[in-house]
PDB file of N, CA and C in Angstrom:
ATOM      1  N   MET A   1     128.816 108.225 121.097  1.00  0.00           N
ATOM      2  CA  MET A   1     128.635 109.488 121.792  1.00  0.00           C
ATOM      3  C   MET A   1     128.980 109.250 123.266  1.00  0.00           C
ATOM      4  N   ALA A   2     129.832 110.062 123.803  1.00  0.00           N
ATOM      5  CA  ALA A   2     130.330 109.854 125.156  1.00  0.00           C
ATOM      6  C   ALA A   2     129.865 110.948 126.113  1.00  0.00           C
ATOM      7  N   LEU A   3     128.611 111.313 126.042  1.00  0.00           N
ATOM      8  CA  LEU A   3     128.107 112.363 126.933  1.00  0.00           C
ATOM      9  C   LEU A   3     128.241 111.978 128.394  1.00  0.00           C
ATOM     10  N   TRP A   4     128.028 110.710 128.692  1.00  0.00           N
ATOM     11  CA  TRP A   4     128.121 110.279 130.081  1.00  0.00           C
ATOM     12  C   TRP A   4     129.552 110.361 130.603  1.00  0.00           C
ATOM     13  N   LYS A   5     130.533 110.475 129.683  1.00  0.00           N
ATOM     14  CA  LYS A   5     131.930 110.600 130.087  1.00  0.00           C
ATOM     15  C   LYS A   5     132.365 112.058 130.249  1.00  0.00           C
ATOM     16  N   ALA A   6     131.498 112.982 129.938  1.00  0.00           N
ATOM     17  CA  ALA A   6     131.840 114.402 130.078  1.00  0.00           C
ATOM     18  C   ALA A   6     132.196 114.689 131.533  1.00  0.00           C
ATOM     19  N   THR A   7     133.179 115.528 131.713  1.00  0.00           N
ATOM     20  CA  THR A   7     133.621 115.879 133.057  1.00  0.00           C
ATOM     21  C   THR A   7     132.521 116.638 133.786  1.00  0.00           C
ATOM     22  N   ALA A   8     132.213 116.194 134.971  1.00  0.00           N
ATOM     23  CA  ALA A   8     131.174 116.859 135.763  1.00  0.00           C
ATOM     24  C   ALA A   8     131.641 118.235 136.212  1.00  0.00           C
ATOM     25  N   CYS A   9     130.701 119.133 136.293  1.00  0.00           N
ATOM     26  CA  CYS A   9     130.969 120.492 136.764  1.00  0.00           C
ATOM     27  C   CYS A   9     130.757 120.499 138.271  1.00  0.00           C
ATOM     28  N   ARG A  10     131.829 120.650 139.016  1.00  0.00           N
ATOM     29  CA  ARG A  10     131.731 120.607 140.474  1.00  0.00           C
ATOM     30  C   ARG A  10     131.684 121.994 141.099  1.00  0.00           C
ATOM     31  N   GLU A  11     131.950 123.023 140.312  1.00  0.00           N
ATOM     32  CA  GLU A  11     131.964 124.386 140.834  1.00  0.00           C
ATOM     33  C   GLU A  11     130.853 125.202 140.194  1.00  0.00           C
ATOM     34  N   MET A  12     130.151 125.974 141.013  1.00  0.00           N
ATOM     35  CA  MET A  12     129.100 126.853 140.494  1.00  0.00           C
ATOM     36  C   MET A  12     129.740 128.159 140.045  1.00  0.00           C
ATOM     37  N   THR A  13     130.582 128.067 139.044  1.00  0.00           N
ATOM     38  CA  THR A  13     131.215 129.255 138.487  1.00  0.00           C
ATOM     39  C   THR A  13     130.818 129.352 137.029  1.00  0.00           C
ATOM     40  N   THR A  14     130.882 130.546 136.502  1.00  0.00           N
ATOM     41  CA  THR A  14     130.550 130.741 135.093  1.00  0.00           C
ATOM     42  C   THR A  14     131.438 129.876 134.217  1.00  0.00           C
ATOM     43  N   GLN A  15     132.728 129.862 134.501  1.00  0.00           N
ATOM     44  CA  GLN A  15     133.656 129.092 133.673  1.00  0.00           C
ATOM     45  C   GLN A  15     133.398 127.588 133.788  1.00  0.00           C
ATOM     46  N   GLY A  16     133.139 127.098 134.996  1.00  0.00           N
ATOM     47  CA  GLY A  16     132.877 125.676 135.177  1.00  0.00           C
ATOM     48  C   GLY A  16     131.640 125.221 134.422  1.00  0.00           C
ATOM     49  N   ILE A  17     130.578 125.982 134.529  1.00  0.00           N
ATOM     50  CA  ILE A  17     129.330 125.647 133.843  1.00  0.00           C
ATOM     51  C   ILE A  17     129.498 125.779 132.336  1.00  0.00           C
ATOM     52  N   GLN A  18     130.163 126.840 131.880  1.00  0.00           N
ATOM     53  CA  GLN A  18     130.356 127.050 130.444  1.00  0.00           C
ATOM     54  C   GLN A  18     131.199 125.937 129.829  1.00  0.00           C
ATOM     55  N   THR A  19     132.213 125.472 130.549  1.00  0.00           N
ATOM     56  CA  THR A  19     133.052 124.384 130.047  1.00  0.00           C
ATOM     57  C   THR A  19     132.227 123.125 129.828  1.00  0.00           C
ATOM     58  N   LEU A  20     131.363 122.799 130.773  1.00  0.00           N
ATOM     59  CA  LEU A  20     130.505 121.627 130.631  1.00  0.00           C
ATOM     60  C   LEU A  20     129.544 121.797 129.464  1.00  0.00           C
ATOM     61  N   VAL A  21     128.902 122.942 129.374  1.00  0.00           N
ATOM     62  CA  VAL A  21     127.962 123.200 128.277  1.00  0.00           C
ATOM     63  C   VAL A  21     128.676 123.103 126.928  1.00  0.00           C
ATOM     64  N   ASP A  22     129.873 123.665 126.827  1.00  0.00           N
ATOM     65  CA  ASP A  22     130.638 123.595 125.581  1.00  0.00           C
ATOM     66  C   ASP A  22     130.962 122.152 125.213  1.00  0.00           C
ATOM     67  N   ASP A  23     131.347 121.357 126.204  1.00  0.00           N
ATOM     68  CA  ASP A  23     131.681 119.956 125.963  1.00  0.00           C
ATOM     69  C   ASP A  23     130.461 119.186 125.466  1.00  0.00           C
ATOM     70  N   LEU A  24     129.327 119.381 126.115  1.00  0.00           N
ATOM     71  CA  LEU A  24     128.105 118.692 125.706  1.00  0.00           C
ATOM     72  C   LEU A  24     127.637 119.149 124.327  1.00  0.00           C
ATOM     73  N   THR A  25     127.756 120.442 124.052  1.00  0.00           N
ATOM     74  CA  THR A  25     127.373 120.977 122.744  1.00  0.00           C
ATOM     75  C   THR A  25     128.234 120.366 121.646  1.00  0.00           C
ATOM     76  N   LYS A  26     129.518 120.202 121.929  1.00  0.00           N
ATOM     77  CA  LYS A  26     130.438 119.591 120.964  1.00  0.00           C
ATOM     78  C   LYS A  26     130.001 118.164 120.646  1.00  0.00           C
ATOM     79  N   HIS A  27     129.663 117.393 121.675  1.00  0.00           N
ATOM     80  CA  HIS A  27     129.235 116.012 121.462  1.00  0.00           C
ATOM     81  C   HIS A  27     127.933 115.948 120.662  1.00  0.00           C
ATOM     82  N   LEU A  28     126.975 116.793 121.011  1.00  0.00           N
ATOM     83  CA  LEU A  28     125.704 116.795 120.279  1.00  0.00           C
ATOM     84  C   LEU A  28     125.894 117.260 118.844  1.00  0.00           C
ATOM     85  N   GLY A  29     126.795 118.219 118.635  1.00  0.00           N
ATOM     86  CA  GLY A  29     127.068 118.718 117.290  1.00  0.00           C
ATOM     87  C   GLY A  29     127.629 117.653 116.364  1.00  0.00           C
ATOM     88  N   CYS A  30     128.281 116.660 116.921  1.00  0.00           N
ATOM     89  CA  CYS A  30     128.838 115.571 116.114  1.00  0.00           C
ATOM     90  C   CYS A  30     127.744 114.720 115.468  1.00  0.00           C
ATOM     91  N   LEU A  31     126.534 114.808 115.968  1.00  0.00           N
ATOM     92  CA  LEU A  31     125.436 114.027 115.399  1.00  0.00           C
ATOM     93  C   LEU A  31     124.891 114.641 114.114  1.00  0.00           C
ATOM     94  N   THR A  32     125.044 115.943 113.943  1.00  0.00           N
ATOM     95  CA  THR A  32     124.497 116.634 112.772  1.00  0.00           C
ATOM     96  C   THR A  32     125.047 116.079 111.458  1.00  0.00           C
ATOM     97  N   PRO A  33     126.365 115.889 111.308  1.00  0.00           N
ATOM     98  CA  PRO A  33     126.873 115.329 110.049  1.00  0.00           C
ATOM     99  C   PRO A  33     126.372 113.915 109.775  1.00  0.00           C
ATOM    100  N   LEU A  34     125.887 113.241 110.804  1.00  0.00           N
ATOM    101  CA  LEU A  34     125.345 111.896 110.632  1.00  0.00           C
ATOM    102  C   LEU A  34     123.870 111.927 110.243  1.00  0.00           C
ATOM    103  N   GLY A  35     123.345 113.136 110.029  1.00  0.00           N
ATOM    104  CA  GLY A  35     121.957 113.284 109.621  1.00  0.00           C
ATOM    105  C   GLY A  35     120.972 113.245 110.776  1.00  0.00           C
ATOM    106  N   MET A  36     121.452 113.414 111.983  1.00  0.00           N
ATOM    107  CA  MET A  36     120.575 113.395 113.153  1.00  0.00           C
ATOM    108  C   MET A  36     120.416 114.811 113.679  1.00  0.00           C
ATOM    109  N   ASP A  37     119.185 115.291 113.684  1.00  0.00           N
ATOM    110  CA  ASP A  37     118.897 116.611 114.243  1.00  0.00           C
ATOM    111  C   ASP A  37     118.542 116.403 115.708  1.00  0.00           C
ATOM    112  N   THR A  38     119.332 116.990 116.586  1.00  0.00           N
ATOM    113  CA  THR A  38     119.152 116.749 118.018  1.00  0.00           C
ATOM    114  C   THR A  38     117.954 117.467 118.624  1.00  0.00           C
ATOM    115  N   SER A  39     117.294 118.306 117.857  1.00  0.00           N
ATOM    116  CA  SER A  39     116.195 119.085 118.438  1.00  0.00           C
ATOM    117  C   SER A  39     114.832 118.794 117.819  1.00  0.00           C
ATOM    118  N   THR A  40     114.742 117.817 116.938  1.00  0.00           N
ATOM    119  CA  THR A  40     113.458 117.511 116.305  1.00  0.00           C
ATOM    120  C   THR A  40     113.168 116.016 116.378  1.00  0.00           C
ATOM    121  N   GLY A  41     112.017 115.644 115.896  1.00  0.00           N
ATOM    122  CA  GLY A  41     111.627 114.242 115.879  1.00  0.00           C
ATOM    123  C   GLY A  41     110.647 113.930 116.988  1.00  0.00           C
ATOM    124  N   ASP A  42     110.197 112.676 117.013  1.00  0.00           N
ATOM    125  CA  ASP A  42     109.240 112.249 118.033  1.00  0.00           C
ATOM    126  C   ASP A  42     109.833 112.323 119.436  1.00  0.00           C
ATOM    127  N   PHE A  43     111.103 112.003 119.551  1.00  0.00           N
ATOM    128  CA  PHE A  43     111.786 112.062 120.846  1.00  0.00           C
ATOM    129  C   PHE A  43     113.162 112.667 120.608  1.00  0.00           C
ATOM    130  N   PRO A  44     113.237 113.997 120.681  1.00  0.00           N
ATOM    131  CA  PRO A  44     114.503 114.669 120.392  1.00  0.00           C
ATOM    132  C   PRO A  44     115.639 114.187 121.297  1.00  0.00           C
ATOM    133  N   VAL A  45     116.813 114.074 120.728  1.00  0.00           N
ATOM    134  CA  VAL A  45     117.993 113.663 121.487  1.00  0.00           C
ATOM    135  C   VAL A  45     118.200 114.586 122.677  1.00  0.00           C
ATOM    136  N   SER A  46     117.892 115.864 122.485  1.00  0.00           N
ATOM    137  CA  SER A  46     118.083 116.822 123.577  1.00  0.00           C
ATOM    138  C   SER A  46     117.272 116.428 124.812  1.00  0.00           C
ATOM    139  N   GLU A  47     116.091 115.844 124.617  1.00  0.00           N
ATOM    140  CA  GLU A  47     115.286 115.397 125.759  1.00  0.00           C
ATOM    141  C   GLU A  47     115.894 114.173 126.413  1.00  0.00           C
ATOM    142  N   ALA A  48     116.462 113.310 125.614  1.00  0.00           N
ATOM    143  CA  ALA A  48     117.056 112.086 126.151  1.00  0.00           C
ATOM    144  C   ALA A  48     118.290 112.372 126.994  1.00  0.00           C
ATOM    145  N   VAL A  49     119.028 113.409 126.652  1.00  0.00           N
ATOM    146  CA  VAL A  49     120.266 113.690 127.383  1.00  0.00           C
ATOM    147  C   VAL A  49     120.066 114.627 128.574  1.00  0.00           C
ATOM    148  N   MET A  50     118.884 115.175 128.752  1.00  0.00           N
ATOM    149  CA  MET A  50     118.665 116.095 129.870  1.00  0.00           C
ATOM    150  C   MET A  50     118.989 115.460 131.225  1.00  0.00           C
ATOM    151  N   PRO A  51     118.575 114.216 131.495  1.00  0.00           N
ATOM    152  CA  PRO A  51     118.951 113.622 132.786  1.00  0.00           C
ATOM    153  C   PRO A  51     120.471 113.485 132.948  1.00  0.00           C
ATOM    154  N   VAL A  52     121.165 113.153 131.863  1.00  0.00           N
ATOM    155  CA  VAL A  52     122.629 113.052 131.902  1.00  0.00           C
ATOM    156  C   VAL A  52     123.228 114.420 132.175  1.00  0.00           C
ATOM    157  N   LEU A  53     122.735 115.417 131.474  1.00  0.00           N
ATOM    158  CA  LEU A  53     123.220 116.783 131.647  1.00  0.00           C
ATOM    159  C   LEU A  53     123.011 117.254 133.084  1.00  0.00           C
ATOM    160  N   LYS A  54     121.839 117.023 133.607  1.00  0.00           N
ATOM    161  CA  LYS A  54     121.516 117.475 134.962  1.00  0.00           C
ATOM    162  C   LYS A  54     122.481 116.890 135.984  1.00  0.00           C
ATOM    163  N   GLU A  55     122.819 115.619 135.838  1.00  0.00           N
ATOM    164  CA  GLU A  55     123.713 114.956 136.792  1.00  0.00           C
ATOM    165  C   GLU A  55     125.137 115.498 136.748  1.00  0.00           C
ATOM    166  N   LYS A  56     125.486 116.204 135.690  1.00  0.00           N
ATOM    167  CA  LYS A  56     126.840 116.747 135.550  1.00  0.00           C
ATOM    168  C   LYS A  56     127.013 118.081 136.271  1.00  0.00           C
ATOM    169  N   PHE A  57     125.913 118.704 136.675  1.00  0.00           N
ATOM    170  CA  PHE A  57     125.987 120.001 137.338  1.00  0.00           C
ATOM    171  C   PHE A  57     126.089 119.834 138.855  1.00  0.00           C
ATOM    172  N   PRO A  58     126.582 120.854 139.548  1.00  0.00           N
ATOM    173  CA  PRO A  58     126.691 120.794 141.007  1.00  0.00           C
ATOM    174  C   PRO A  58     125.326 120.533 141.656  1.00  0.00           C
ATOM    175  N   HIS A  59     125.363 119.914 142.832  1.00  0.00           N
ATOM    176  CA  HIS A  59     124.130 119.546 143.532  1.00  0.00           C
ATOM    177  C   HIS A  59     123.208 120.749 143.756  1.00  0.00           C
ATOM    178  N   ALA A  60     123.776 121.892 144.105  1.00  0.00           N
ATOM    179  CA  ALA A  60     122.953 123.088 144.360  1.00  0.00           C
ATOM    180  C   ALA A  60     122.179 123.499 143.114  1.00  0.00           C
ATOM    181  N   LEU A  61     122.799 123.385 141.953  1.00  0.00           N
ATOM    182  CA  LEU A  61     122.118 123.744 140.709  1.00  0.00           C
ATOM    183  C   LEU A  61     121.056 122.704 140.361  1.00  0.00           C
ATOM    184  N   GLN A  62     121.335 121.434 140.626  1.00  0.00           N
ATOM    185  CA  GLN A  62     120.332 120.389 140.399  1.00  0.00           C
ATOM    186  C   GLN A  62     119.092 120.642 141.258  1.00  0.00           C
ATOM    187  N   LYS A  63     119.318 121.027 142.497  1.00  0.00           N
ATOM    188  CA  LYS A  63     118.200 121.295 143.408  1.00  0.00           C
ATOM    189  C   LYS A  63     117.376 122.487 142.918  1.00  0.00           C
ATOM    190  N   ALA A  64     118.054 123.550 142.483  1.00  0.00           N
ATOM    191  CA  ALA A  64     117.352 124.722 141.953  1.00  0.00           C
ATOM    192  C   ALA A  64     116.550 124.341 140.712  1.00  0.00           C
ATOM    193  N   TRP A  65     117.108 123.493 139.868  1.00  0.00           N
ATOM    194  CA  TRP A  65     116.447 123.003 138.657  1.00  0.00           C
ATOM    195  C   TRP A  65     115.154 122.289 139.051  1.00  0.00           C
ATOM    196  N   ASP A  66     115.256 121.355 140.016  1.00  0.00           N
ATOM    197  CA  ASP A  66     114.074 120.615 140.463  1.00  0.00           C
ATOM    198  C   ASP A  66     113.001 121.544 141.019  1.00  0.00           C
ATOM    199  N   LEU A  67     113.403 122.521 141.813  1.00  0.00           N
ATOM    200  CA  LEU A  67     112.441 123.462 142.384  1.00  0.00           C
ATOM    201  C   LEU A  67     111.737 124.270 141.301  1.00  0.00           C
ATOM    202  N   LYS A  68     112.469 124.662 140.267  1.00  0.00           N
ATOM    203  CA  LYS A  68     111.863 125.422 139.170  1.00  0.00           C
ATOM    204  C   LYS A  68     110.832 124.568 138.441  1.00  0.00           C
ATOM    205  N   VAL A  69     111.175 123.321 138.164  1.00  0.00           N
ATOM    206  CA  VAL A  69     110.264 122.423 137.451  1.00  0.00           C
ATOM    207  C   VAL A  69     109.005 122.166 138.276  1.00  0.00           C
ATOM    208  N   ILE A  70     109.169 121.969 139.574  1.00  0.00           N
ATOM    209  CA  ILE A  70     108.024 121.707 140.451  1.00  0.00           C
ATOM    210  C   ILE A  70     107.132 122.938 140.588  1.00  0.00           C
ATOM    211  N   SER A  71     107.741 124.112 140.714  1.00  0.00           N
ATOM    212  CA  SER A  71     106.966 125.325 140.987  1.00  0.00           C
ATOM    213  C   SER A  71     106.311 125.935 139.757  1.00  0.00           C
ATOM    214  N   GLU A  72     106.822 125.614 138.578  1.00  0.00           N
ATOM    215  CA  GLU A  72     106.287 126.203 137.352  1.00  0.00           C
ATOM    216  C   GLU A  72     105.928 125.109 136.358  1.00  0.00           C
ATOM    217  N   PRO A  73     104.661 124.679 136.334  1.00  0.00           N
ATOM    218  CA  PRO A  73     104.253 123.648 135.379  1.00  0.00           C
ATOM    219  C   PRO A  73     104.634 124.046 133.951  1.00  0.00           C
ATOM    220  N   GLY A  74     105.206 123.099 133.242  1.00  0.00           N
ATOM    221  CA  GLY A  74     105.619 123.373 131.868  1.00  0.00           C
ATOM    222  C   GLY A  74     106.998 123.978 131.756  1.00  0.00           C
ATOM    223  N   SER A  75     107.622 124.316 132.880  1.00  0.00           N
ATOM    224  CA  SER A  75     108.926 124.976 132.821  1.00  0.00           C
ATOM    225  C   SER A  75     110.037 124.037 132.385  1.00  0.00           C
ATOM    226  N   ASP A  76     109.830 122.724 132.496  1.00  0.00           N
ATOM    227  CA  ASP A  76     110.873 121.802 132.061  1.00  0.00           C
ATOM    228  C   ASP A  76     111.055 121.845 130.550  1.00  0.00           C
ATOM    229  N   ASP A  77     110.082 122.392 129.836  1.00  0.00           N
ATOM    230  CA  ASP A  77     110.195 122.525 128.385  1.00  0.00           C
ATOM    231  C   ASP A  77     111.189 123.595 127.978  1.00  0.00           C
ATOM    232  N   ASP A  78     111.464 124.561 128.853  1.00  0.00           N
ATOM    233  CA  ASP A  78     112.334 125.663 128.462  1.00  0.00           C
ATOM    234  C   ASP A  78     113.624 125.727 129.278  1.00  0.00           C
ATOM    235  N   LEU A  79     114.009 124.615 129.889  1.00  0.00           N
ATOM    236  CA  LEU A  79     115.268 124.587 130.635  1.00  0.00           C
ATOM    237  C   LEU A  79     116.433 124.438 129.699  1.00  0.00           C
TER     238      LEU A  79
END
């Protein structure tokens, strides 16, 4: 799985963000045929890749993400 190789989104545009999300979704979807559900289990794959995903977004979006998590306890569960 090459999630860390996904092209970073440097522009805060709908297309830039959507392209990154589509790329990451494609990589995660490849795990399903291998019998790995990315959203269940003791430690879902989706939780493991969140730090990788966050680093791929523009700095302004990362900062907004951090502020949301800090200001709303439990909000990191629904990002």
